[in-house]
Structures are given as C-alpha cells and as structure tokens.
Protein backbone atom coordinates (compact mmCIF):
# COMPACT_ATOMS: atom_id res chain seq x y z
CA MET A 1 0.00 0.00 0.00
CA MET A 2 1.29 3.46 -0.90
CA LYS A 3 2.14 5.58 2.13
CA LYS A 4 -0.20 8.55 2.54
CA GLY A 5 2.04 10.56 4.85
CA LYS A 6 4.08 10.33 8.03
CA ILE A 7 2.30 11.03 11.30
CA LEU A 8 3.70 11.44 14.82
CA ILE A 9 1.44 10.35 17.69
CA VAL A 10 2.29 11.73 21.14
CA ASP A 11 0.44 10.33 24.16
CA ASP A 12 1.52 9.02 27.57
CA GLU A 13 -1.03 6.21 27.46
CA PRO A 14 0.44 3.14 25.69
CA ASP A 15 -3.03 1.75 24.93
CA VAL A 16 -4.02 4.97 23.15
CA LEU A 17 -0.77 4.96 21.17
CA GLU A 18 -1.34 1.35 20.13
CA LEU A 19 -4.95 2.00 19.08
CA ILE A 20 -4.16 5.07 16.99
CA THR A 21 -1.03 3.54 15.47
CA TYR A 22 -2.89 0.40 14.41
CA ASN A 23 -5.70 2.31 12.72
CA LEU A 24 -3.41 4.79 10.95
CA LYS A 25 -1.10 2.07 9.64
CA LYS A 26 -4.14 0.15 8.45
CA GLU A 27 -5.07 3.23 6.38
CA GLY A 28 -1.61 3.40 4.82
CA TYR A 29 0.06 6.06 6.95
CA GLU A 30 3.62 5.81 8.20
CA VAL A 31 3.47 6.23 11.97
CA SER A 32 5.95 7.15 14.68
CA SER A 33 5.07 7.53 18.35
CA SER A 34 6.30 9.01 21.59
CA LEU A 35 5.24 8.75 25.24
CA ASP A 36 6.58 12.08 26.46
CA GLY A 37 6.90 15.65 25.29
CA GLN A 38 10.67 16.08 25.30
CA GLU A 39 11.19 13.01 23.12
CA ALA A 40 8.41 14.12 20.79
CA LEU A 41 9.91 17.58 20.30
CA ALA A 42 13.31 16.03 19.57
CA LYS A 43 11.71 13.83 16.89
CA ILE A 44 9.88 16.75 15.31
CA ARG A 45 13.15 18.69 15.09
CA THR A 46 15.13 15.85 13.51
CA GLU A 47 12.56 13.97 11.38
CA GLN A 48 10.09 15.00 8.68
CA PHE A 49 6.42 14.58 9.61
CA ASP A 50 3.24 15.53 7.75
CA PHE A 51 0.96 15.60 10.77
CA LEU A 52 1.01 15.63 14.58
CA VAL A 53 -1.56 14.07 16.92
CA LEU A 54 -0.67 15.57 20.29
CA ASP A 55 -1.97 14.80 23.78
CA LEU A 56 -2.46 17.84 26.03
CA MET A 57 -1.41 16.23 29.32
CA LEU A 58 2.12 14.86 28.97
CA PRO A 59 4.95 14.28 31.47
CA GLY A 60 7.76 16.84 31.36
CA LEU A 61 6.73 19.03 28.44
CA ASN A 62 2.97 19.24 27.93
CA GLY A 63 1.12 19.45 24.65
CA MET A 64 0.25 23.13 25.01
CA GLU A 65 3.93 24.05 25.38
CA ILE A 66 4.96 21.86 22.43
CA CYS A 67 2.31 23.55 20.31
CA ARG A 68 3.53 27.00 21.35
CA ILE A 69 7.16 26.11 20.56
CA MET A 70 6.24 24.75 17.14
CA ARG A 71 4.12 27.75 16.13
CA ASN A 72 7.05 30.05 16.93
CA ASP A 73 9.60 28.03 14.96
CA PRO A 74 9.65 28.66 11.17
CA ALA A 75 10.80 25.07 10.56
CA MET A 76 7.82 23.53 12.37
CA LYS A 77 5.05 26.13 12.37
CA ASN A 78 3.12 24.79 9.36
CA MET A 79 2.72 21.21 10.58
CA PRO A 80 -1.01 20.46 11.16
CA ILE A 81 -1.82 19.55 14.77
CA ILE A 82 -4.78 17.74 16.31
CA MET A 83 -4.74 18.03 20.10
CA LEU A 84 -6.09 15.25 22.34
CA THR A 85 -7.20 15.60 25.94
CA ALA A 86 -9.25 13.88 28.60
CA LYS A 87 -10.52 17.28 29.72
CA THR A 88 -13.89 18.57 28.57
CA ASP A 89 -13.58 22.14 29.86
CA GLU A 90 -14.29 24.70 27.13
CA VAL A 91 -11.35 26.78 28.41
CA ASP A 92 -8.90 23.98 27.59
CA LYS A 93 -10.27 23.69 24.09
CA ILE A 94 -9.99 27.42 23.43
CA LEU A 95 -6.45 27.53 24.86
CA GLY A 96 -5.43 24.68 22.59
CA LEU A 97 -6.79 26.44 19.52
CA GLU A 98 -5.24 29.75 20.54
CA MET A 99 -1.85 28.06 20.89
CA GLY A 100 -2.19 27.05 17.25
CA ALA A 101 -3.80 23.61 17.20
CA ASP A 102 -5.83 22.99 14.03
CA ASP A 103 -8.34 20.76 15.75
CA TYR A 104 -9.21 19.32 19.15
CA MET A 105 -10.59 15.95 20.24
CA THR A 106 -11.77 14.91 23.69
CA LYS A 107 -11.05 11.39 24.96
CA PRO A 108 -12.53 8.89 24.55
CA PHE A 109 -12.81 9.29 20.78
CA SER A 110 -13.50 7.12 17.78
CA PRO A 111 -10.46 6.14 15.68
CA ARG A 112 -12.70 6.54 12.62
CA GLU A 113 -13.45 10.15 13.59
CA LEU A 114 -9.75 10.86 14.12
CA LEU A 115 -8.98 9.44 10.67
CA ALA A 116 -11.70 11.60 9.13
CA ARG A 117 -10.25 14.74 10.69
CA ILE A 118 -6.70 13.92 9.61
CA LYS A 119 -7.83 13.30 6.03
CA THR A 120 -9.79 16.55 5.98
CA VAL A 121 -6.86 18.66 7.17
CA MET A 122 -4.49 16.96 4.73
CA ARG A 123 -6.94 17.53 1.89
CA ARG A 124 -7.17 21.21 2.69
CA THR A 125 -3.38 21.46 2.73
CA SER A 126 -3.18 19.77 -0.67
CA GLU A 127 -5.81 22.10 -2.14
CA ILE A 128 -3.85 25.17 -1.13
CA LYS A 129 -0.65 23.83 -2.68
CA SER A 130 -2.40 23.03 -5.95
CA GLY A 131 -2.92 26.71 -6.71
CA ALA A 132 0.46 28.11 -5.67
CA GLU A 133 0.80 31.87 -6.07
CA VAL A 134 1.60 34.99 -4.09
CA ILE A 135 -1.10 37.44 -2.96
CA ARG A 136 -0.40 40.89 -1.58
CA LEU A 137 -2.77 42.83 0.63
CA GLY A 138 -1.46 46.07 2.03
CA SER A 139 1.73 45.26 3.88
CA LEU A 140 0.89 41.53 3.89
CA THR A 141 2.38 39.01 1.45
CA ILE A 142 0.66 35.63 1.36
CA ASN A 143 2.61 32.80 -0.29
CA LYS A 144 0.40 29.81 -1.06
CA GLU A 145 3.31 27.63 -2.13
CA ASN A 146 5.22 27.64 1.14
CA PHE A 147 2.32 28.55 3.48
CA THR A 148 3.94 31.76 4.72
CA VAL A 149 2.65 35.23 5.48
CA THR A 150 4.94 38.22 5.91
CA LYS A 151 4.14 41.74 7.03
CA ASP A 152 6.55 44.39 5.78
CA GLY A 153 8.93 41.51 5.11
CA ARG A 154 8.63 40.15 8.66
CA PRO A 155 7.33 36.55 8.92
CA MET A 156 4.05 35.98 10.75
CA GLU A 157 3.63 32.90 12.93
CA LEU A 158 0.35 31.47 11.61
CA SER A 159 -0.91 27.93 12.08
CA SER A 160 -2.14 26.08 9.00
CA THR A 161 -5.75 26.78 9.99
CA GLU A 162 -5.10 30.50 10.46
CA PHE A 163 -3.35 30.58 7.10
CA ARG A 164 -6.30 28.92 5.37
CA LEU A 165 -8.75 31.26 7.05
CA LEU A 166 -6.83 34.37 5.98
CA LEU A 167 -6.32 33.04 2.46
CA TYR A 168 -10.02 32.27 2.03
CA LEU A 169 -11.14 35.71 3.19
CA VAL A 170 -8.54 37.45 1.02
CA GLU A 171 -9.45 35.46 -2.08
CA LYS A 172 -13.13 36.28 -1.45
CA LYS A 173 -12.37 39.89 -0.54
CA GLY A 174 -15.35 42.18 -0.14
CA LYS A 175 -17.74 39.37 0.79
CA VAL A 176 -18.97 38.98 4.37
CA PHE A 177 -19.06 35.43 5.77
CA SER A 178 -20.97 34.25 8.81
CA ARG A 179 -19.37 31.77 11.18
CA ASP A 180 -21.52 28.99 9.74
CA GLN A 181 -20.46 29.88 6.18
CA LEU A 182 -16.79 29.80 7.17
CA LEU A 183 -17.32 26.44 8.87
CA ASP A 184 -18.93 25.09 5.70
CA ALA A 185 -16.16 26.46 3.50
CA LEU A 186 -13.12 25.54 5.57
CA TRP A 187 -14.21 22.64 7.77
CA ARG A 188 -16.83 21.23 5.38
CA ASP A 189 -18.11 17.85 6.62
CA GLU A 190 -16.65 18.27 10.11
CA ALA A 191 -19.97 18.55 11.92
CA PHE A 192 -18.14 18.26 15.25
CA VAL A 193 -16.50 21.68 14.83
CA GLU A 194 -18.31 24.40 16.78
CA PRO A 195 -19.00 27.95 15.51
CA ARG A 196 -16.95 29.26 18.47
CA THR A 197 -13.90 27.73 16.79
CA VAL A 198 -14.10 30.36 14.04
CA ASP A 199 -14.03 33.19 16.58
CA VAL A 200 -10.97 31.72 18.29
CA HIS A 201 -9.04 31.48 15.03
CA ILE A 202 -10.10 34.96 13.93
CA ARG A 203 -8.91 36.38 17.24
CA ARG A 204 -5.56 34.60 17.01
CA LEU A 205 -5.17 35.63 13.36
CA ARG A 206 -5.75 39.27 14.23
CA ILE A 207 -3.16 39.12 17.02
CA GLN A 208 -0.63 38.01 14.41
CA ILE A 209 -1.35 40.34 11.48
CA GLU A 210 -2.97 43.45 12.90
CA ASP A 211 -1.16 46.41 14.47
CA ASP A 212 -4.15 46.83 16.77
CA PRO A 213 -6.23 43.63 16.97
CA ALA A 214 -9.06 45.55 18.63
CA ASN A 215 -9.29 47.82 15.58
CA PRO A 216 -8.43 45.54 12.63
CA VAL A 217 -7.66 46.88 9.17
CA TYR A 218 -7.38 43.51 7.42
CA VAL A 219 -9.87 41.02 8.87
CA LYS A 220 -12.93 43.06 9.81
CA THR A 221 -16.25 42.32 11.49
CA LYS A 222 -19.66 43.24 10.10
CA ARG A 223 -21.60 43.43 13.34
CA GLY A 224 -24.31 40.81 13.59
CA ILE A 225 -23.29 39.21 10.27
CA GLY A 226 -19.73 37.95 10.14
CA TYR A 227 -16.16 38.51 8.99
CA TYR A 228 -14.64 39.91 5.81
CA VAL A 229 -11.56 41.39 4.14
CA GLU A 230 -12.03 44.61 2.20
CA GLY A 231 -10.93 44.92 -1.44
CA GLY A 232 -7.37 45.67 -2.41
CA ALA A 233 -5.73 42.26 -2.71
CA VAL A 234 -3.39 41.99 -5.67
CA THR A 235 -2.29 38.60 -6.99
CA ALA A 236 1.33 38.54 -8.13
C-alpha cells in the first residue's frame, strides 16, 4: 500500500498509542510515536512529519507548550496539529486552539473520527498547494506555495488553519461570511467543529497580522453578520 504521509502520535497512554497507530497504519500512513513531550519535540526537530496528533497532558513538556514552541519556529510552524485531551472544559479547548492547534478531540474518541479529521486537514493542505501563487494585501504578502505570510517583510507565525482562514477571506475579498459559512467552507463535513472555533481562530489571526487587533484593518467584522476582508488584494 502506498504511504499517505508520516504522522507522529504523542500520548503518555500506551493503549491509546497502540490503538491510533494500528488504525493509521491500516489506512496506509507511516506512523511514529512518543510517550513524552521532550522526546516528541526532539523527533519533530530531527525527522520530517506531515501531521502531529498531540496529547495535552504529557509528562515533562505538555502538549500546550509543544504547540507553542512549534508555532514560533519557522521550521515547524506549518505542521497540522490535532490536540487530544481527557478534559472537557471549554477553556482547555480554546487555549489549545489559541496556541495554534488545528483541531481538538476529547477522549474517549472514535479512531474513525480521528482518521476523518486527519484526512480533511491533509486535503485542505493539498488544495492550497495546488494553486500556488503569491497574494499581496497592504503590507501583507501571502505565499500559497510555502504557506507563509509576511508583514513588511517580517514573517508571521500562523498555524495552518489561520493561514487557510486568511487566504479564504482574502481570495473572497469584499464578501462577508458568517461563522456557519466559514465552517462550511473551511471545515466542510466536520460537523463536530463548533462555531466558536471560528471566533478563536479569527482572534488569534488578528493578534498576528494586525497592528491593533481591537481595531483591525485587514480582517474586519460586520456586526451581527460575520467577517470579511475589504478589497485591495493583488495577486502577483
């Protein structure tokens, strides 16, 4: 079977590692695993992975800290991350997303659902690459080929989800999208994603690209309707 990509699974529960590894290998993925955060970070820095499934509660270095380190490192910042946790508190979910996780799953979860989410994120990544070009909006330069955004030549630390969200709004500049419309466009068949997720990613995106996130000039809000980017994008 042709390998579909290389995935790193990080969890301190051996049974969870075994379950996920078995199901991913069965689907044709190459899988590596780690039981603790320090070892996982060392692997990410020395090996090439296409995806990370990361537990929140880990000995030594927890998942939140690993996520933060990765999103601030140009060599690792674009790797898609699904965060796992036994916690159900909404605060933990929001913190995970704000640290740059692309998705969030609460234990116990279905291996089939995890596979569906991985495939969806990988498909979105592939779709962006298929139309590689550079888009400029004000002082922002968006490069679809290498998933980077710079502002006045300075690199922005966006997660893959934040990048996709910005790219979509820029390419549809002038049109206002509700949270549900953005969910349909960017998360598609992921019925388990909540509308609040859009707000979290918009907030994090603004922190990265706006001079004053409370008064955005790029990603704006139409009160009571949704989010939009005004005209002015130029495709190079």
